[in-house]
Amino acid sequence: MSEHKLDEQKLDYLLRQGDNALILSQQLSKLCGKGPALEEDMALTNVALDLLGQTRMWYGYAAELEGKGRSEDDLAFLRDAGQLRCTLLVEQPNGNYADTMVRQFLFDTWHYFYMQAQLQSSDPRVVEIAAKSIKEVTYHLRRSGDLIVRLGDGTADSHARTQAAVNALWPYWGELFNYDAVDAAMVEQGVAPAAAPLRAEFLEHVGEIFAEATLTMPSADAWMHSGGKRGVHSEHLGFILAEMQFLQRAYPGAQW
């Protein structure tokens, strides 16, 4: 494979990481001032800021690799939905608090094991990003897992809402482990980790937390949605971008 082709695939890979973090950060930022308790409201905002910081690192590397003079802001605010490579999971609506936390927990579980594996990447810049992110990602997983247990093993109402959220969001996590040609190339180059061991760790941890939360875990072999990594998204992403990108779209080049 040519070096140019590998650079294109690495760029796509870097954008996928940044797009996941950006869109989930934007989703959580909408909840500022709406948390069920003051401490939780602040925690949601802090997670959003952590993810935004990680976005900047991925986009910064992507912009350098691309070499076309685009900035982090260009990548965030001047790409249309079809150009984003986030998975469908992160663009699902906030819904009620159980929906928000189940979405977060599923993402956090994948993110934690993925970042742990990326500490062994053959790309020094990827290792650097993972090393700077791993403490945040570890906290995110510990926090969301604890909240899933509290919601699932709480009142009858919180249990029912959390189980409903699990059932609704379960078909979206599979895309995280559904590797395509870009993922395969990155695995072959040692940049990214293989899917199978990560998937096993993901299912083991999710199973442990769901058992403690008295939640029924759907089948790991259930049908899964896909498309986000190749730019085919749900209708939700368009609304997210319309809000997030409004200023730059309405006033090109605007600065504070």
Protein backbone atom coordinates (compact mmCIF):
# COMPACT_ATOMS: atom_id res chain seq x y z
CA MET A 1 0.00 0.00 0.00
CA SER A 2 1.33 3.46 -0.91
CA GLU A 3 2.42 5.91 1.75
CA HIS A 4 -0.14 8.42 0.45
CA LYS A 5 -2.96 5.91 0.93
CA LEU A 6 -1.80 5.14 4.46
CA ASP A 7 -1.73 8.86 5.28
CA GLU A 8 -5.32 9.20 4.02
CA GLN A 9 -6.42 6.28 6.17
CA LYS A 10 -4.63 7.63 9.23
CA LEU A 11 -6.30 11.00 8.70
CA ASP A 12 -9.70 9.27 8.60
CA TYR A 13 -8.77 7.34 11.75
CA LEU A 14 -7.75 10.52 13.61
CA LEU A 15 -10.93 12.31 12.55
CA ARG A 16 -13.03 9.42 13.83
CA GLN A 17 -11.49 9.76 17.28
CA GLY A 18 -11.94 13.53 17.31
CA ASP A 19 -15.47 13.44 15.90
CA ASN A 20 -16.64 10.94 18.55
CA ALA A 21 -15.29 13.14 21.34
CA LEU A 22 -16.60 16.38 19.80
CA ILE A 23 -20.18 15.25 19.23
CA LEU A 24 -20.51 13.61 22.64
CA SER A 25 -19.04 16.74 24.23
CA GLN A 26 -21.60 18.88 22.40
CA GLN A 27 -24.40 16.59 23.55
CA LEU A 28 -23.33 16.84 27.19
CA SER A 29 -22.84 20.61 26.99
CA LYS A 30 -26.55 20.97 26.24
CA LEU A 31 -27.27 19.63 29.72
CA CYS A 32 -25.39 22.42 31.51
CA GLY A 33 -27.79 23.76 34.13
CA LYS A 34 -30.16 20.81 33.69
CA GLY A 35 -28.52 18.13 35.83
CA PRO A 36 -30.67 16.38 38.47
CA ALA A 37 -28.38 17.70 41.23
CA LEU A 38 -25.78 20.48 41.41
CA GLU A 39 -22.84 18.11 41.78
CA GLU A 40 -24.03 16.02 38.84
CA ASP A 41 -24.63 19.12 36.74
CA MET A 42 -21.01 20.15 37.26
CA ALA A 43 -19.77 16.61 36.58
CA LEU A 44 -21.56 16.48 33.21
CA THR A 45 -20.00 19.78 32.22
CA ASN A 46 -16.53 18.61 33.29
CA VAL A 47 -16.85 15.44 31.21
CA ALA A 48 -17.90 17.58 28.24
CA LEU A 49 -14.81 19.76 28.71
CA ASP A 50 -12.54 16.71 29.02
CA LEU A 51 -13.88 15.35 25.74
CA LEU A 52 -13.46 18.72 24.07
CA GLY A 53 -9.83 18.82 25.14
CA GLN A 54 -9.31 15.38 23.65
CA THR A 55 -11.03 16.55 20.45
CA ARG A 56 -8.50 19.34 20.09
CA MET A 57 -5.58 16.91 20.36
CA TRP A 58 -6.99 14.59 17.71
CA TYR A 59 -7.90 17.46 15.39
CA GLY A 60 -4.54 19.11 15.89
CA TYR A 61 -2.74 15.98 14.78
CA ALA A 62 -5.19 15.46 11.91
CA ALA A 63 -4.69 19.01 10.64
CA GLU A 64 -0.91 18.60 10.70
CA LEU A 65 -1.08 15.29 8.86
CA GLU A 66 -3.46 16.69 6.25
CA GLY A 67 -1.19 19.68 5.63
CA LYS A 68 -3.84 21.87 4.01
CA GLY A 69 -3.79 24.67 6.54
CA ARG A 70 -7.05 23.73 8.21
CA SER A 71 -7.35 24.39 11.93
CA GLU A 72 -9.16 22.62 14.76
CA ASP A 73 -12.01 25.10 14.33
CA ASP A 74 -12.24 24.38 10.61
CA LEU A 75 -12.56 20.67 11.28
CA ALA A 76 -15.21 21.22 13.94
CA PHE A 77 -17.33 23.97 12.40
CA LEU A 78 -16.89 23.79 8.64
CA ARG A 79 -17.60 20.16 7.81
CA ASP A 80 -21.06 18.93 6.88
CA ALA A 81 -22.71 15.88 8.46
CA GLY A 82 -21.59 13.56 5.66
CA GLN A 83 -17.97 14.51 6.29
CA LEU A 84 -18.04 13.59 9.98
CA ARG A 85 -16.95 10.12 11.05
CA CYS A 86 -18.45 9.78 14.53
CA THR A 87 -20.31 6.60 15.42
CA LEU A 88 -24.10 6.64 15.61
CA LEU A 89 -24.02 6.03 19.37
CA VAL A 90 -22.73 9.48 20.31
CA GLU A 91 -25.32 11.33 18.21
CA GLN A 92 -28.31 9.67 19.87
CA PRO A 93 -30.53 12.16 21.79
CA ASN A 94 -29.92 13.00 25.44
CA GLY A 95 -33.46 11.87 26.27
CA ASN A 96 -34.07 11.40 29.97
CA TYR A 97 -31.25 11.00 32.47
CA ALA A 98 -31.16 7.23 32.09
CA ASP A 99 -30.78 7.61 28.31
CA THR A 100 -27.90 10.05 28.81
CA MET A 101 -26.08 7.83 31.28
CA VAL A 102 -26.52 4.55 29.39
CA ARG A 103 -25.17 6.22 26.25
CA GLN A 104 -22.27 7.59 28.29
CA PHE A 105 -21.53 4.29 29.99
CA LEU A 106 -21.43 2.33 26.74
CA PHE A 107 -19.12 4.90 25.18
CA ASP A 108 -16.95 5.22 28.30
CA THR A 109 -16.43 1.47 28.52
CA TRP A 110 -15.23 1.26 24.93
CA HIS A 111 -13.20 4.48 25.31
CA TYR A 112 -11.37 3.27 28.41
CA PHE A 113 -10.20 -0.03 26.94
CA TYR A 114 -9.41 1.62 23.60
CA MET A 115 -7.28 4.32 25.21
CA GLN A 116 -5.50 1.75 27.37
CA ALA A 117 -4.58 -0.14 24.24
CA GLN A 118 -3.49 3.03 22.44
CA LEU A 119 -0.81 3.54 25.06
CA GLN A 120 0.99 0.79 23.13
CA SER A 121 0.44 2.36 19.69
CA SER A 122 3.30 2.45 17.19
CA ASP A 123 2.56 6.14 16.60
CA PRO A 124 4.22 8.35 19.27
CA ARG A 125 1.62 11.11 18.81
CA VAL A 126 -1.22 8.67 19.43
CA VAL A 127 0.57 7.42 22.55
CA GLU A 128 0.93 11.03 23.70
CA ILE A 129 -2.78 11.72 23.24
CA ALA A 130 -3.73 8.50 25.02
CA ALA A 131 -1.37 9.25 27.91
CA LYS A 132 -2.87 12.73 28.36
CA SER A 133 -6.42 11.36 28.19
CA ILE A 134 -6.31 8.14 30.19
CA LYS A 135 -6.86 9.66 33.65
CA GLU A 136 -9.91 11.53 32.42
CA VAL A 137 -11.26 8.49 30.61
CA THR A 138 -10.75 6.32 33.71
CA TYR A 139 -12.75 8.80 35.79
CA HIS A 140 -15.49 8.95 33.16
CA LEU A 141 -15.94 5.17 33.24
CA ARG A 142 -15.88 4.94 37.03
CA ARG A 143 -18.47 7.71 37.29
CA SER A 144 -20.89 6.47 34.62
CA GLY A 145 -20.67 2.88 35.86
CA ASP A 146 -21.50 3.99 39.40
CA LEU A 147 -24.49 5.95 38.16
CA ILE A 148 -25.78 3.01 36.12
CA VAL A 149 -25.72 0.90 39.29
CA ARG A 150 -27.51 3.60 41.29
CA LEU A 151 -30.17 4.06 38.61
CA GLY A 152 -30.68 0.37 37.86
CA ASP A 153 -30.77 -0.72 41.48
CA GLY A 154 -32.71 2.31 42.66
CA THR A 155 -36.44 2.86 42.57
CA ALA A 156 -38.84 0.87 40.41
CA ASP A 157 -39.16 3.90 38.13
CA SER A 158 -35.41 4.48 37.75
CA HIS A 159 -34.88 0.78 37.09
CA ALA A 160 -37.56 0.71 34.39
CA ARG A 161 -36.23 3.84 32.69
CA THR A 162 -32.66 2.54 32.75
CA GLN A 163 -33.64 -0.85 31.36
CA ALA A 164 -35.61 0.90 28.60
CA ALA A 165 -32.54 3.00 27.80
CA VAL A 166 -30.35 -0.10 27.66
CA ASN A 167 -32.78 -1.80 25.28
CA ALA A 168 -33.00 1.26 23.03
CA LEU A 169 -29.27 2.05 22.88
CA TRP A 170 -27.89 -1.48 22.82
CA PRO A 171 -27.95 -1.76 18.99
CA TYR A 172 -25.50 1.16 18.68
CA TRP A 173 -22.34 -0.01 20.46
CA GLY A 174 -21.46 -2.66 17.88
CA GLU A 175 -20.24 -0.06 15.40
CA LEU A 176 -17.35 0.73 17.73
CA PHE A 177 -15.96 -2.76 17.07
CA ASN A 178 -17.11 -3.11 13.46
CA TYR A 179 -13.75 -2.57 11.77
CA ASP A 180 -13.49 -1.52 8.12
CA ALA A 181 -10.52 -1.02 5.76
CA VAL A 182 -9.35 2.08 7.65
CA ASP A 183 -9.39 0.29 11.00
CA ALA A 184 -7.72 -2.78 9.51
CA ALA A 185 -4.92 -0.66 8.04
CA MET A 186 -4.31 1.04 11.37
CA VAL A 187 -4.24 -2.31 13.17
CA GLU A 188 -1.77 -3.67 10.62
CA GLN A 189 0.48 -0.62 11.14
CA GLY A 190 0.26 -1.03 14.91
CA VAL A 191 -1.41 2.36 15.30
CA ALA A 192 -4.76 1.05 16.60
CA PRO A 193 -5.69 -2.05 18.66
CA ALA A 194 -7.49 -5.10 17.25
CA ALA A 195 -11.24 -5.30 17.81
CA ALA A 196 -11.70 -8.80 19.24
CA PRO A 197 -9.87 -8.41 22.59
CA LEU A 198 -11.41 -4.97 23.14
CA ARG A 199 -14.89 -6.32 22.47
CA ALA A 200 -14.35 -9.11 24.99
CA GLU A 201 -13.20 -6.65 27.66
CA PHE A 202 -16.11 -4.35 26.84
CA LEU A 203 -18.72 -7.11 27.22
CA GLU A 204 -17.15 -8.40 30.43
CA HIS A 205 -17.20 -4.99 32.10
CA VAL A 206 -20.68 -4.08 30.88
CA GLY A 207 -21.95 -7.46 32.10
CA GLU A 208 -20.47 -6.91 35.57
CA ILE A 209 -22.00 -3.44 35.93
CA PHE A 210 -25.40 -4.50 34.58
CA ALA A 211 -25.49 -7.46 36.98
CA GLU A 212 -24.76 -5.16 39.92
CA ALA A 213 -27.41 -2.76 38.64
CA THR A 214 -29.97 -5.61 38.34
CA LEU A 215 -30.34 -4.84 34.64
CA THR A 216 -30.94 -7.43 31.94
CA MET A 217 -28.12 -7.43 29.41
CA PRO A 218 -29.32 -7.96 25.82
CA SER A 219 -27.58 -10.44 23.55
CA ALA A 220 -24.06 -9.54 22.47
CA ASP A 221 -24.94 -10.97 19.06
CA ALA A 222 -27.92 -8.67 18.53
CA TRP A 223 -28.19 -6.77 15.24
CA MET A 224 -26.26 -3.49 15.30
CA HIS A 225 -26.61 -0.18 13.49
CA SER A 226 -23.67 1.12 11.47
CA GLY A 227 -22.78 3.86 9.02
CA GLY A 228 -21.43 6.71 11.10
CA LYS A 229 -17.78 5.85 10.48
CA ARG A 230 -18.31 6.21 6.73
CA GLY A 231 -20.39 9.39 6.99
CA VAL A 232 -23.90 7.90 6.94
CA HIS A 233 -25.63 9.34 9.99
CA SER A 234 -28.98 9.52 11.72
CA GLU A 235 -31.14 12.63 11.43
CA HIS A 236 -29.98 13.66 14.90
CA LEU A 237 -26.52 14.75 13.76
CA GLY A 238 -27.92 17.41 11.44
CA PHE A 239 -29.69 19.11 14.34
CA ILE A 240 -26.58 18.88 16.52
CA LEU A 241 -24.44 20.54 13.84
CA ALA A 242 -27.06 23.19 13.05
CA GLU A 243 -26.79 24.42 16.62
CA MET A 244 -23.05 23.88 17.08
CA GLN A 245 -21.94 25.40 13.78
CA PHE A 246 -24.42 28.27 13.52
CA LEU A 247 -22.06 31.12 14.37
CA GLN A 248 -19.32 30.15 11.93
CA ARG A 249 -21.81 29.38 9.20
CA ALA A 250 -23.75 32.63 9.65
CA TYR A 251 -20.68 34.83 10.17
CA PRO A 252 -17.74 33.18 8.35
CA GLY A 253 -14.42 33.85 10.03
CA ALA A 254 -16.03 35.42 13.10
CA GLN A 255 -13.74 35.69 16.13
CA TRP A 256 -14.37 36.60 19.74
